[in-house]
Amino acid sequence: MTPDPPLPAAPFHRMATLRPAWAGRLRPPLTLLAAFIAYVVLISVVLVLTILALALAPGVNVAIGVTSGDPTSALDVTLALAMGAMWLPAGIIGVRFGGWRPLGTAWSVTARWRRPLLRSLGPWGVAMGAVVVAAAALAGAVTGADGVAAADSGASVPRLLLVGVVVLVLGPLQAAGLELTLRGAVMQALGSWLRSPLPAMLAASAVMLIGRELSVAVMLPALTLGLASAVLAWKSGGLELSILLVTTVTVASGLVSALGAGTGAGSGAAALNAAAAAPGTSSAALATAASEQAALTGGITATAALLVVTVVLVMRISSREGVRLLEPVTRPAGEPAPAPVPY
């Protein structure tokens, strides 16, 4: 049996080129098509089950609190995050059965989770995400908004606690799904055709604008968050840091926008929450009660903060891995390709 030829160093967006069968002309579109079809089927199941559950619940109006984008509505938040979380199994199906390659190739250049990287840089990813949310909330608070905090405006403490539990449980699943599909699958699909990482990163950023509110307050931070995630995935050689960053932004902005609903801080965080939400869900739009001016200020501030923290994280990765600022972490040259998936 002829041994496989030595492989060149492979950055994250080129992982699908490690074996010819993974980079065939039809594999990239099949990967994305399989993920999209799986997502449509999965969210249809979620919607049907939700409607059935509400129909069976006594005295519940099915239309109330489901499509309002209200950050204090446990029903609305649960449905939006549950739909977003369906990107995780959809991405797995796309990579595994559409691309017919090991799932690990979509996680990192080592084809597995890199725990040493998480231990050293993970706290930085979480801290940077918290800084972005704090900046958005503070900017919104400075701008100000009419209204009072959610706890003083009819949202009971048990209701807010339930929202908090839902955000803490489903937020990370949504973030992992979005990163696997919109960064991993999309970047590697284009990377199998193009060597330059720029088109892959731009495409992975642009998909964040699909199914989202067409306002500067939401679209600007959404595009920047997508770009930050794509840059971190390419630079670090995997999705670990981008998942931590997006998870922190999703969870923290969801909690702040719920607890501060009706205030400037809540409106500022709500813009970032809408930017990080799954495309097409009710959370991808600002609630009607949010202050537009505070949301705009929060969105713009979050955009600037995301750019700054991306630069900081890129510098930290470069320092830890001993690579140049514009050089990514790659799969070493000559490293064998992961075993193919058996047919």
C-alpha atoms as a PDB file:
ATOM      1  CA  MET A   1       0.000   0.000   0.000  1.00  0.00           C
ATOM      2  CA  THR A   2       1.435   3.361  -1.058  1.00  0.00           C
ATOM      3  CA  PRO A   3       1.783   5.700   1.930  1.00  0.00           C
ATOM      4  CA  ASP A   4       0.069   9.066   1.822  1.00  0.00           C
ATOM      5  CA  PRO A   5       2.324  11.864   0.546  1.00  0.00           C
ATOM      6  CA  PRO A   6       3.622  14.334   3.167  1.00  0.00           C
ATOM      7  CA  LEU A   7       1.079  17.037   3.889  1.00  0.00           C
ATOM      8  CA  PRO A   8       1.889  20.767   4.021  1.00  0.00           C
ATOM      9  CA  ALA A   9       1.021  22.838   7.077  1.00  0.00           C
ATOM     10  CA  ALA A  10      -2.756  23.361   7.175  1.00  0.00           C
ATOM     11  CA  PRO A  11      -4.505  26.351   8.773  1.00  0.00           C
ATOM     12  CA  PHE A  12      -7.995  25.910  10.189  1.00  0.00           C
ATOM     13  CA  HIS A  13      -9.914  26.977   7.079  1.00  0.00           C
ATOM     14  CA  ARG A  14      -8.017  24.391   4.963  1.00  0.00           C
ATOM     15  CA  MET A  15      -8.725  21.337   7.119  1.00  0.00           C
ATOM     16  CA  ALA A  16     -11.105  19.899   4.520  1.00  0.00           C
ATOM     17  CA  THR A  17      -8.206  19.619   2.059  1.00  0.00           C
ATOM     18  CA  LEU A  18      -6.263  17.069   4.115  1.00  0.00           C
ATOM     19  CA  ARG A  19      -7.807  14.252   2.077  1.00  0.00           C
ATOM     20  CA  PRO A  20      -8.939  14.551  -1.562  1.00  0.00           C
ATOM     21  CA  ALA A  21     -12.286  12.902  -0.790  1.00  0.00           C
ATOM     22  CA  TRP A  22     -13.124  15.677   1.698  1.00  0.00           C
ATOM     23  CA  ALA A  23     -12.373  18.468  -0.762  1.00  0.00           C
ATOM     24  CA  GLY A  24     -14.202  17.163  -3.830  1.00  0.00           C
ATOM     25  CA  ARG A  25     -16.104  19.656  -5.908  1.00  0.00           C
ATOM     26  CA  LEU A  26     -19.448  18.691  -4.374  1.00  0.00           C
ATOM     27  CA  ARG A  27     -18.367  18.134  -0.767  1.00  0.00           C
ATOM     28  CA  PRO A  28     -18.441  21.789   0.404  1.00  0.00           C
ATOM     29  CA  PRO A  29     -21.959  22.552  -0.921  1.00  0.00           C
ATOM     30  CA  LEU A  30     -23.190  19.177   0.313  1.00  0.00           C
ATOM     31  CA  THR A  31     -21.854  19.990   3.780  1.00  0.00           C
ATOM     32  CA  LEU A  32     -23.713  23.291   3.924  1.00  0.00           C
ATOM     33  CA  LEU A  33     -26.861  21.881   2.317  1.00  0.00           C
ATOM     34  CA  ALA A  34     -27.015  18.963   4.753  1.00  0.00           C
ATOM     35  CA  ALA A  35     -26.569  21.331   7.708  1.00  0.00           C
ATOM     36  CA  PHE A  36     -29.284  23.683   6.429  1.00  0.00           C
ATOM     37  CA  ILE A  37     -31.793  20.902   5.754  1.00  0.00           C
ATOM     38  CA  ALA A  38     -31.095  19.356   9.149  1.00  0.00           C
ATOM     39  CA  TYR A  39     -31.609  22.743  10.806  1.00  0.00           C
ATOM     40  CA  VAL A  40     -34.944  23.341   9.077  1.00  0.00           C
ATOM     41  CA  VAL A  41     -36.186  19.894  10.138  1.00  0.00           C
ATOM     42  CA  LEU A  42     -34.970  20.322  13.726  1.00  0.00           C
ATOM     43  CA  ILE A  43     -36.485  23.775  14.282  1.00  0.00           C
ATOM     44  CA  SER A  44     -39.741  22.534  12.751  1.00  0.00           C
ATOM     45  CA  VAL A  45     -39.821  19.855  15.440  1.00  0.00           C
ATOM     46  CA  VAL A  46     -39.092  22.479  18.113  1.00  0.00           C
ATOM     47  CA  LEU A  47     -41.873  24.748  16.842  1.00  0.00           C
ATOM     48  CA  VAL A  48     -44.421  21.942  16.583  1.00  0.00           C
ATOM     49  CA  LEU A  49     -43.637  20.674  20.064  1.00  0.00           C
ATOM     50  CA  THR A  50     -43.886  24.218  21.445  1.00  0.00           C
ATOM     51  CA  ILE A  51     -47.254  24.828  19.820  1.00  0.00           C
ATOM     52  CA  LEU A  52     -48.567  21.481  21.077  1.00  0.00           C
ATOM     53  CA  ALA A  53     -47.352  22.189  24.606  1.00  0.00           C
ATOM     54  CA  LEU A  54     -48.964  25.646  24.606  1.00  0.00           C
ATOM     55  CA  ALA A  55     -52.189  24.293  23.150  1.00  0.00           C
ATOM     56  CA  LEU A  56     -52.419  21.759  25.969  1.00  0.00           C
ATOM     57  CA  ALA A  57     -51.578  24.293  28.679  1.00  0.00           C
ATOM     58  CA  PRO A  58     -54.797  25.672  30.197  1.00  0.00           C
ATOM     59  CA  GLY A  59     -55.463  29.367  29.787  1.00  0.00           C
ATOM     60  CA  VAL A  60     -52.375  30.096  27.652  1.00  0.00           C
ATOM     61  CA  ASN A  61     -52.598  32.231  24.535  1.00  0.00           C
ATOM     62  CA  VAL A  62     -50.202  30.677  22.001  1.00  0.00           C
ATOM     63  CA  ALA A  63     -49.350  34.046  20.466  1.00  0.00           C
ATOM     64  CA  ILE A  64     -48.390  35.788  23.705  1.00  0.00           C
ATOM     65  CA  GLY A  65     -44.688  36.196  24.379  1.00  0.00           C
ATOM     66  CA  VAL A  66     -43.500  33.969  21.553  1.00  0.00           C
ATOM     67  CA  THR A  67     -42.496  36.459  18.867  1.00  0.00           C
ATOM     68  CA  SER A  68     -42.174  39.701  20.830  1.00  0.00           C
ATOM     69  CA  GLY A  69     -38.446  39.477  21.453  1.00  0.00           C
ATOM     70  CA  ASP A  70     -39.125  40.283  25.110  1.00  0.00           C
ATOM     71  CA  PRO A  71     -35.914  39.456  27.040  1.00  0.00           C
ATOM     72  CA  THR A  72     -37.970  38.927  30.228  1.00  0.00           C
ATOM     73  CA  SER A  73     -40.306  36.345  28.662  1.00  0.00           C
ATOM     74  CA  ALA A  74     -39.149  32.850  29.601  1.00  0.00           C
ATOM     75  CA  LEU A  75     -41.234  31.385  26.774  1.00  0.00           C
ATOM     76  CA  ASP A  76     -39.829  33.692  24.126  1.00  0.00           C
ATOM     77  CA  VAL A  77     -36.223  33.330  25.326  1.00  0.00           C
ATOM     78  CA  THR A  78     -36.540  29.543  25.566  1.00  0.00           C
ATOM     79  CA  LEU A  79     -37.954  29.205  22.059  1.00  0.00           C
ATOM     80  CA  ALA A  80     -35.341  31.519  20.516  1.00  0.00           C
ATOM     81  CA  LEU A  81     -32.404  29.798  22.231  1.00  0.00           C
ATOM     82  CA  ALA A  82     -33.791  26.318  21.578  1.00  0.00           C
ATOM     83  CA  MET A  83     -34.012  27.130  17.868  1.00  0.00           C
ATOM     84  CA  GLY A  84     -30.487  28.521  17.982  1.00  0.00           C
ATOM     85  CA  ALA A  85     -29.207  25.428  19.767  1.00  0.00           C
ATOM     86  CA  MET A  86     -30.412  23.316  16.842  1.00  0.00           C
ATOM     87  CA  TRP A  87     -27.444  24.631  14.861  1.00  0.00           C
ATOM     88  CA  LEU A  88     -25.255  22.276  16.915  1.00  0.00           C
ATOM     89  CA  PRO A  89     -26.772  18.972  15.709  1.00  0.00           C
ATOM     90  CA  ALA A  90     -27.290  20.536  12.279  1.00  0.00           C
ATOM     91  CA  GLY A  91     -23.585  21.382  12.033  1.00  0.00           C
ATOM     92  CA  ILE A  92     -22.626  17.912  13.200  1.00  0.00           C
ATOM     93  CA  ILE A  93     -24.839  16.349  10.520  1.00  0.00           C
ATOM     94  CA  GLY A  94     -23.435  18.692   7.869  1.00  0.00           C
ATOM     95  CA  VAL A  95     -19.785  17.910   8.597  1.00  0.00           C
ATOM     96  CA  ARG A  96     -20.220  14.220   9.312  1.00  0.00           C
ATOM     97  CA  PHE A  97     -22.686  13.213   6.592  1.00  0.00           C
ATOM     98  CA  GLY A  98     -22.572  16.083   4.075  1.00  0.00           C
ATOM     99  CA  GLY A  99     -18.781  16.408   4.114  1.00  0.00           C
ATOM    100  CA  TRP A 100     -18.330  12.761   5.184  1.00  0.00           C
ATOM    101  CA  ARG A 101     -15.324  13.546   7.349  1.00  0.00           C
ATOM    102  CA  PRO A 102     -14.503  13.284  11.049  1.00  0.00           C
ATOM    103  CA  LEU A 103     -16.266  15.899  13.160  1.00  0.00           C
ATOM    104  CA  GLY A 104     -12.984  16.740  14.890  1.00  0.00           C
ATOM    105  CA  THR A 105     -11.662  18.350  11.704  1.00  0.00           C
ATOM    106  CA  ALA A 106     -14.249  21.105  12.147  1.00  0.00           C
ATOM    107  CA  TRP A 107     -13.217  21.788  15.756  1.00  0.00           C
ATOM    108  CA  SER A 108      -9.476  22.407  15.404  1.00  0.00           C
ATOM    109  CA  VAL A 109      -6.315  21.730  13.431  1.00  0.00           C
ATOM    110  CA  THR A 110      -5.555  18.845  15.795  1.00  0.00           C
ATOM    111  CA  ALA A 111      -8.986  17.318  15.035  1.00  0.00           C
ATOM    112  CA  ARG A 112      -9.903  17.433  18.731  1.00  0.00           C
ATOM    113  CA  TRP A 113     -10.509  19.830  21.596  1.00  0.00           C
ATOM    114  CA  ARG A 114      -7.255  21.386  22.808  1.00  0.00           C
ATOM    115  CA  ARG A 115      -7.446  21.481  26.580  1.00  0.00           C
ATOM    116  CA  PRO A 116      -4.021  23.103  27.123  1.00  0.00           C
ATOM    117  CA  LEU A 117      -5.139  26.035  24.961  1.00  0.00           C
ATOM    118  CA  LEU A 118      -8.390  26.294  26.897  1.00  0.00           C
ATOM    119  CA  ARG A 119      -6.563  26.330  30.211  1.00  0.00           C
ATOM    120  CA  SER A 120      -4.198  29.098  29.175  1.00  0.00           C
ATOM    121  CA  LEU A 121      -6.349  31.270  26.903  1.00  0.00           C
ATOM    122  CA  GLY A 122      -9.879  30.282  27.951  1.00  0.00           C
ATOM    123  CA  PRO A 123     -10.043  32.807  30.818  1.00  0.00           C
ATOM    124  CA  TRP A 124      -8.991  35.507  28.371  1.00  0.00           C
ATOM    125  CA  GLY A 125     -11.857  34.634  26.019  1.00  0.00           C
ATOM    126  CA  VAL A 126     -14.392  34.769  28.851  1.00  0.00           C
ATOM    127  CA  ALA A 127     -12.969  38.012  30.247  1.00  0.00           C
ATOM    128  CA  MET A 128     -12.961  39.695  26.847  1.00  0.00           C
ATOM    129  CA  GLY A 129     -16.586  38.699  26.239  1.00  0.00           C
ATOM    130  CA  ALA A 130     -17.562  40.147  29.625  1.00  0.00           C
ATOM    131  CA  VAL A 131     -15.744  43.387  28.770  1.00  0.00           C
ATOM    132  CA  VAL A 132     -17.733  43.736  25.532  1.00  0.00           C
ATOM    133  CA  VAL A 133     -21.095  43.255  27.304  1.00  0.00           C
ATOM    134  CA  ALA A 134     -20.109  45.640  30.110  1.00  0.00           C
ATOM    135  CA  ALA A 135     -19.099  48.277  27.560  1.00  0.00           C
ATOM    136  CA  ALA A 136     -22.421  47.978  25.703  1.00  0.00           C
ATOM    137  CA  ALA A 137     -24.450  48.155  28.928  1.00  0.00           C
ATOM    138  CA  LEU A 138     -22.449  51.105  30.262  1.00  0.00           C
ATOM    139  CA  ALA A 139     -22.807  53.014  26.996  1.00  0.00           C
ATOM    140  CA  GLY A 140     -26.547  52.424  27.034  1.00  0.00           C
ATOM    141  CA  ALA A 141     -26.781  53.533  30.668  1.00  0.00           C
ATOM    142  CA  VAL A 142     -24.901  56.760  29.910  1.00  0.00           C
ATOM    143  CA  THR A 143     -27.221  57.497  26.996  1.00  0.00           C
ATOM    144  CA  GLY A 144     -30.217  56.780  29.227  1.00  0.00           C
ATOM    145  CA  ALA A 145     -33.685  55.453  28.551  1.00  0.00           C
ATOM    146  CA  ASP A 146     -37.170  56.007  29.813  1.00  0.00           C
ATOM    147  CA  GLY A 147     -38.502  53.264  32.019  1.00  0.00           C
ATOM    148  CA  VAL A 148     -37.526  51.187  35.009  1.00  0.00           C
ATOM    149  CA  ALA A 149     -35.707  47.933  35.585  1.00  0.00           C
ATOM    150  CA  ALA A 150     -37.507  44.693  34.807  1.00  0.00           C
ATOM    151  CA  ALA A 151     -37.721  43.754  38.476  1.00  0.00           C
ATOM    152  CA  ASP A 152     -39.770  46.930  39.084  1.00  0.00           C
ATOM    153  CA  SER A 153     -41.945  46.802  35.960  1.00  0.00           C
ATOM    154  CA  GLY A 154     -43.959  43.632  36.352  1.00  0.00           C
ATOM    155  CA  ALA A 155     -41.365  40.937  35.682  1.00  0.00           C
ATOM    156  CA  SER A 156     -41.456  38.824  38.833  1.00  0.00           C
ATOM    157  CA  VAL A 157     -38.347  37.444  40.473  1.00  0.00           C
ATOM    158  CA  PRO A 158     -39.291  33.800  39.688  1.00  0.00           C
ATOM    159  CA  ARG A 159     -39.827  34.778  36.060  1.00  0.00           C
ATOM    160  CA  LEU A 160     -36.417  36.434  35.855  1.00  0.00           C
ATOM    161  CA  LEU A 161     -34.799  33.463  37.580  1.00  0.00           C
ATOM    162  CA  LEU A 162     -36.354  31.140  35.020  1.00  0.00           C
ATOM    163  CA  VAL A 163     -35.040  33.319  32.197  1.00  0.00           C
ATOM    164  CA  GLY A 164     -31.596  33.209  33.817  1.00  0.00           C
ATOM    165  CA  VAL A 165     -31.611  29.418  34.029  1.00  0.00           C
ATOM    166  CA  VAL A 166     -32.701  29.102  30.393  1.00  0.00           C
ATOM    167  CA  VAL A 167     -29.978  31.486  29.209  1.00  0.00           C
ATOM    168  CA  LEU A 168     -27.288  29.684  31.222  1.00  0.00           C
ATOM    169  CA  VAL A 169     -28.330  26.257  29.888  1.00  0.00           C
ATOM    170  CA  LEU A 170     -29.180  26.972  26.239  1.00  0.00           C
ATOM    171  CA  GLY A 171     -26.860  29.935  25.589  1.00  0.00           C
ATOM    172  CA  PRO A 172     -23.668  27.832  25.403  1.00  0.00           C
ATOM    173  CA  LEU A 173     -25.373  25.260  23.152  1.00  0.00           C
ATOM    174  CA  GLN A 174     -26.460  27.991  20.752  1.00  0.00           C
ATOM    175  CA  ALA A 175     -22.980  29.515  20.723  1.00  0.00           C
ATOM    176  CA  ALA A 176     -21.326  26.157  20.029  1.00  0.00           C
ATOM    177  CA  GLY A 177     -23.791  25.426  17.235  1.00  0.00           C
ATOM    178  CA  LEU A 178     -23.359  28.799  15.566  1.00  0.00           C
ATOM    179  CA  GLU A 179     -19.585  28.549  15.706  1.00  0.00           C
ATOM    180  CA  LEU A 180     -19.499  24.975  14.404  1.00  0.00           C
ATOM    181  CA  THR A 181     -21.814  25.722  11.493  1.00  0.00           C
ATOM    182  CA  LEU A 182     -21.339  29.401  10.637  1.00  0.00           C
ATOM    183  CA  ARG A 183     -17.610  29.516  11.330  1.00  0.00           C
ATOM    184  CA  GLY A 184     -16.349  25.945  11.094  1.00  0.00           C
ATOM    185  CA  ALA A 185     -18.416  24.557   8.228  1.00  0.00           C
ATOM    186  CA  VAL A 186     -18.655  27.787   6.208  1.00  0.00           C
ATOM    187  CA  MET A 187     -14.979  28.713   6.525  1.00  0.00           C
ATOM    188  CA  GLN A 188     -13.787  25.210   5.684  1.00  0.00           C
ATOM    189  CA  ALA A 189     -16.197  24.925   2.753  1.00  0.00           C
ATOM    190  CA  LEU A 190     -14.680  28.001   1.120  1.00  0.00           C
ATOM    191  CA  GLY A 191     -11.211  27.045   2.322  1.00  0.00           C
ATOM    192  CA  SER A 192     -11.375  23.821   0.340  1.00  0.00           C
ATOM    193  CA  TRP A 193     -11.561  25.953  -2.831  1.00  0.00           C
ATOM    194  CA  LEU A 194      -9.510  29.035  -1.897  1.00  0.00           C
ATOM    195  CA  ARG A 195      -6.158  29.229  -0.123  1.00  0.00           C
ATOM    196  CA  SER A 196      -6.594  32.777   1.133  1.00  0.00           C
ATOM    197  CA  PRO A 197      -8.379  32.964   4.499  1.00  0.00           C
ATOM    198  CA  LEU A 198      -9.913  36.374   3.754  1.00  0.00           C
ATOM    199  CA  PRO A 199     -12.911  35.208   1.642  1.00  0.00           C
ATOM    200  CA  ALA A 200     -13.655  32.483   4.196  1.00  0.00           C
ATOM    201  CA  MET A 201     -13.570  34.953   7.088  1.00  0.00           C
ATOM    202  CA  LEU A 202     -15.715  37.502   5.242  1.00  0.00           C
ATOM    203  CA  ALA A 203     -18.292  34.856   4.350  1.00  0.00           C
ATOM    204  CA  ALA A 204     -18.387  33.582   7.941  1.00  0.00           C
ATOM    205  CA  SER A 205     -18.993  37.179   9.041  1.00  0.00           C
ATOM    206  CA  ALA A 206     -21.618  38.008   6.414  1.00  0.00           C
ATOM    207  CA  VAL A 207     -23.859  35.062   7.316  1.00  0.00           C
ATOM    208  CA  MET A 208     -24.455  36.778  10.674  1.00  0.00           C
ATOM    209  CA  LEU A 209     -26.546  39.397   8.845  1.00  0.00           C
ATOM    210  CA  ILE A 210     -29.074  36.861   7.527  1.00  0.00           C
ATOM    211  CA  GLY A 211     -32.426  36.885   9.301  1.00  0.00           C
ATOM    212  CA  ARG A 212     -31.504  39.777  11.590  1.00  0.00           C
ATOM    213  CA  GLU A 213     -33.044  43.176  12.279  1.00  0.00           C
ATOM    214  CA  LEU A 214     -31.974  45.697   9.654  1.00  0.00           C
ATOM    215  CA  SER A 215     -30.762  48.388  12.017  1.00  0.00           C
ATOM    216  CA  VAL A 216     -27.300  49.778  12.681  1.00  0.00           C
ATOM    217  CA  ALA A 217     -27.651  48.970  16.382  1.00  0.00           C
ATOM    218  CA  VAL A 218     -27.921  45.242  15.621  1.00  0.00           C
ATOM    219  CA  MET A 219     -26.213  44.660  12.275  1.00  0.00           C
ATOM    220  CA  LEU A 220     -22.971  46.467  13.114  1.00  0.00           C
ATOM    221  CA  PRO A 221     -22.127  44.409  16.223  1.00  0.00           C
ATOM    222  CA  ALA A 222     -23.457  41.241  14.540  1.00  0.00           C
ATOM    223  CA  LEU A 223     -21.077  41.669  11.612  1.00  0.00           C
ATOM    224  CA  THR A 224     -18.198  42.504  13.952  1.00  0.00           C
ATOM    225  CA  LEU A 225     -18.908  39.536  16.229  1.00  0.00           C
ATOM    226  CA  GLY A 226     -18.896  37.246  13.194  1.00  0.00           C
ATOM    227  CA  LEU A 227     -15.609  38.739  12.025  1.00  0.00           C
ATOM    228  CA  ALA A 228     -14.060  38.442  15.501  1.00  0.00           C
ATOM    229  CA  SER A 229     -15.094  34.779  15.725  1.00  0.00           C
ATOM    230  CA  ALA A 230     -13.762  34.020  12.254  1.00  0.00           C
ATOM    231  CA  VAL A 231     -10.436  35.730  12.959  1.00  0.00           C
ATOM    232  CA  LEU A 232     -10.036  33.869  16.254  1.00  0.00           C
ATOM    233  CA  ALA A 233     -10.891  30.523  14.643  1.00  0.00           C
ATOM    234  CA  TRP A 234      -8.316  31.092  11.896  1.00  0.00           C
ATOM    235  CA  LYS A 235      -5.649  32.563  14.177  1.00  0.00           C
ATOM    236  CA  SER A 236      -5.949  30.009  16.998  1.00  0.00           C
ATOM    237  CA  GLY A 237      -6.489  27.057  14.677  1.00  0.00           C
ATOM    238  CA  GLY A 238      -9.851  26.070  16.132  1.00  0.00           C
ATOM    239  CA  LEU A 239     -13.217  27.052  17.535  1.00  0.00           C
ATOM    240  CA  GLU A 240     -12.436  26.874  21.255  1.00  0.00           C
ATOM    241  CA  LEU A 241     -11.789  30.584  21.837  1.00  0.00           C
ATOM    242  CA  SER A 242     -14.545  31.802  19.524  1.00  0.00           C
ATOM    243  CA  ILE A 243     -17.055  29.542  21.293  1.00  0.00           C
ATOM    244  CA  LEU A 244     -15.995  30.923  24.686  1.00  0.00           C
ATOM    245  CA  LEU A 245     -16.220  34.517  23.457  1.00  0.00           C
ATOM    246  CA  VAL A 246     -19.656  34.073  21.843  1.00  0.00           C
ATOM    247  CA  THR A 247     -20.952  32.054  24.811  1.00  0.00           C
ATOM    248  CA  THR A 248     -19.961  34.807  27.221  1.00  0.00           C
ATOM    249  CA  VAL A 249     -21.470  37.517  25.025  1.00  0.00           C
ATOM    250  CA  THR A 250     -24.700  35.526  24.563  1.00  0.00           C
ATOM    251  CA  VAL A 251     -25.171  34.613  28.219  1.00  0.00           C
ATOM    252  CA  ALA A 252     -24.076  37.922  29.745  1.00  0.00           C
ATOM    253  CA  SER A 253     -26.008  40.125  27.293  1.00  0.00           C
ATOM    254  CA  GLY A 254     -29.098  37.956  27.729  1.00  0.00           C
ATOM    255  CA  LEU A 255     -28.955  38.285  31.507  1.00  0.00           C
ATOM    256  CA  VAL A 256     -28.260  42.030  31.493  1.00  0.00           C
ATOM    257  CA  SER A 257     -30.964  42.780  28.921  1.00  0.00           C
ATOM    258  CA  ALA A 258     -33.491  40.793  31.017  1.00  0.00           C
ATOM    259  CA  LEU A 259     -32.553  42.268  34.399  1.00  0.00           C
ATOM    260  CA  GLY A 260     -32.217  45.774  32.968  1.00  0.00           C
ATOM    261  CA  ALA A 261     -35.229  45.735  30.637  1.00  0.00           C
ATOM    262  CA  GLY A 262     -36.610  49.250  30.327  1.00  0.00           C
ATOM    263  CA  THR A 263     -33.335  50.916  31.309  1.00  0.00           C
ATOM    264  CA  GLY A 264     -30.507  52.334  29.242  1.00  0.00           C
ATOM    265  CA  ALA A 265     -28.141  49.555  30.322  1.00  0.00           C
ATOM    266  CA  GLY A 266     -30.677  46.919  29.355  1.00  0.00           C
ATOM    267  CA  SER A 267     -31.226  48.509  25.957  1.00  0.00           C
ATOM    268  CA  GLY A 268     -27.492  48.717  25.304  1.00  0.00           C
ATOM    269  CA  ALA A 269     -27.060  45.047  26.170  1.00  0.00           C
ATOM    270  CA  ALA A 270     -30.175  44.147  24.151  1.00  0.00           C
ATOM    271  CA  ALA A 271     -28.498  45.361  20.954  1.00  0.00           C
ATOM    272  CA  LEU A 272     -25.573  43.023  21.583  1.00  0.00           C
ATOM    273  CA  ASN A 273     -27.928  40.211  22.559  1.00  0.00           C
ATOM    274  CA  ALA A 274     -29.761  40.608  19.242  1.00  0.00           C
ATOM    275  CA  ALA A 275     -26.423  40.657  17.413  1.00  0.00           C
ATOM    276  CA  ALA A 276     -25.334  37.362  19.008  1.00  0.00           C
ATOM    277  CA  ALA A 277     -28.701  35.626  18.578  1.00  0.00           C
ATOM    278  CA  ALA A 278     -29.302  32.868  16.050  1.00  0.00           C
ATOM    279  CA  PRO A 279     -30.428  34.220  12.655  1.00  0.00           C
ATOM    280  CA  GLY A 280     -34.168  34.335  12.137  1.00  0.00           C
ATOM    281  CA  THR A 281     -35.168  33.991  15.801  1.00  0.00           C
ATOM    282  CA  SER A 282     -37.165  36.567  17.749  1.00  0.00           C
ATOM    283  CA  SER A 283     -34.066  37.403  19.800  1.00  0.00           C
ATOM    284  CA  ALA A 284     -32.336  38.612  16.610  1.00  0.00           C
ATOM    285  CA  ALA A 285     -34.471  41.754  16.784  1.00  0.00           C
ATOM    286  CA  LEU A 286     -34.731  44.447  19.435  1.00  0.00           C
ATOM    287  CA  ALA A 287     -37.757  44.346  21.721  1.00  0.00           C
ATOM    288  CA  THR A 288     -40.243  47.125  21.000  1.00  0.00           C
ATOM    289  CA  ALA A 289     -39.744  48.460  24.527  1.00  0.00           C
ATOM    290  CA  ALA A 290     -36.023  49.032  24.072  1.00  0.00           C
ATOM    291  CA  SER A 291     -34.708  52.599  23.808  1.00  0.00           C
ATOM    292  CA  GLU A 292     -33.504  53.054  20.246  1.00  0.00           C
ATOM    293  CA  GLN A 293     -30.892  55.653  21.167  1.00  0.00           C
ATOM    294  CA  ALA A 294     -29.474  53.593  24.025  1.00  0.00           C
ATOM    295  CA  ALA A 295     -29.488  50.478  21.832  1.00  0.00           C
ATOM    296  CA  LEU A 296     -27.659  52.327  19.052  1.00  0.00           C
ATOM    297  CA  THR A 297     -25.027  53.621  21.474  1.00  0.00           C
ATOM    298  CA  GLY A 298     -24.640  50.170  22.994  1.00  0.00           C
ATOM    299  CA  GLY A 299     -24.337  48.518  19.591  1.00  0.00           C
ATOM    300  CA  ILE A 300     -21.699  50.951  18.363  1.00  0.00           C
ATOM    301  CA  THR A 301     -19.740  50.682  21.610  1.00  0.00           C
ATOM    302  CA  ALA A 302     -19.913  46.879  21.475  1.00  0.00           C
ATOM    303  CA  THR A 303     -18.568  47.002  17.931  1.00  0.00           C
ATOM    304  CA  ALA A 304     -15.557  49.051  18.995  1.00  0.00           C
ATOM    305  CA  ALA A 305     -14.993  46.837  22.029  1.00  0.00           C
ATOM    306  CA  LEU A 306     -15.136  43.678  19.890  1.00  0.00           C
ATOM    307  CA  LEU A 307     -12.458  45.050  17.581  1.00  0.00           C
ATOM    308  CA  VAL A 308     -10.211  45.878  20.541  1.00  0.00           C
ATOM    309  CA  VAL A 309     -10.631  42.517  22.290  1.00  0.00           C
ATOM    310  CA  THR A 310     -10.015  40.684  19.010  1.00  0.00           C
ATOM    311  CA  VAL A 311      -6.669  42.430  18.653  1.00  0.00           C
ATOM    312  CA  VAL A 312      -5.834  41.620  22.301  1.00  0.00           C
ATOM    313  CA  LEU A 313      -6.693  37.942  21.853  1.00  0.00           C
ATOM    314  CA  VAL A 314      -4.745  37.718  18.585  1.00  0.00           C
ATOM    315  CA  MET A 315      -1.704  39.131  20.361  1.00  0.00           C
ATOM    316  CA  ARG A 316      -2.129  36.660  23.237  1.00  0.00           C
ATOM    317  CA  ILE A 317      -2.362  33.740  20.805  1.00  0.00           C
ATOM    318  CA  SER A 318       0.747  34.916  18.976  1.00  0.00           C
ATOM    319  CA  SER A 319       2.663  35.186  22.234  1.00  0.00           C
ATOM    320  CA  ARG A 320       1.571  31.782  23.518  1.00  0.00           C
ATOM    321  CA  GLU A 321       2.153  29.896  20.271  1.00  0.00           C
ATOM    322  CA  GLY A 322       5.299  31.753  19.209  1.00  0.00           C
ATOM    323  CA  VAL A 323       3.917  32.809  15.812  1.00  0.00           C
ATOM    324  CA  ARG A 324       3.925  36.155  14.034  1.00  0.00           C
ATOM    325  CA  LEU A 325       0.964  38.494  14.468  1.00  0.00           C
ATOM    326  CA  LEU A 326      -0.530  37.637  11.064  1.00  0.00           C
ATOM    327  CA  GLU A 327       0.470  33.981  11.146  1.00  0.00           C
ATOM    328  CA  PRO A 328      -2.104  31.349  12.199  1.00  0.00           C
ATOM    329  CA  VAL A 329      -1.677  28.263  14.312  1.00  0.00           C
ATOM    330  CA  THR A 330      -1.594  25.385  11.818  1.00  0.00           C
ATOM    331  CA  ARG A 331      -1.544  21.631  11.656  1.00  0.00           C
ATOM    332  CA  PRO A 332       2.201  20.902  11.406  1.00  0.00           C
ATOM    333  CA  ALA A 333       3.610  19.968   8.005  1.00  0.00           C
ATOM    334  CA  GLY A 334       3.943  16.222   7.631  1.00  0.00           C
ATOM    335  CA  GLU A 335       1.346  15.509  10.314  1.00  0.00           C
ATOM    336  CA  PRO A 336      -0.818  12.601   9.072  1.00  0.00           C
ATOM    337  CA  ALA A 337      -4.389  13.405   8.116  1.00  0.00           C
ATOM    338  CA  PRO A 338      -7.124  12.115  10.433  1.00  0.00           C
ATOM    339  CA  ALA A 339      -8.474   8.696   9.508  1.00  0.00           C
ATOM    340  CA  PRO A 340     -11.232   8.814   6.893  1.00  0.00           C
ATOM    341  CA  VAL A 341     -14.801   8.070   7.871  1.00  0.00           C
ATOM    342  CA  PRO A 342     -15.667   4.518   6.746  1.00  0.00           C
ATOM    343  CA  TYR A 343     -18.433   4.143   4.200  1.00  0.00           C
END
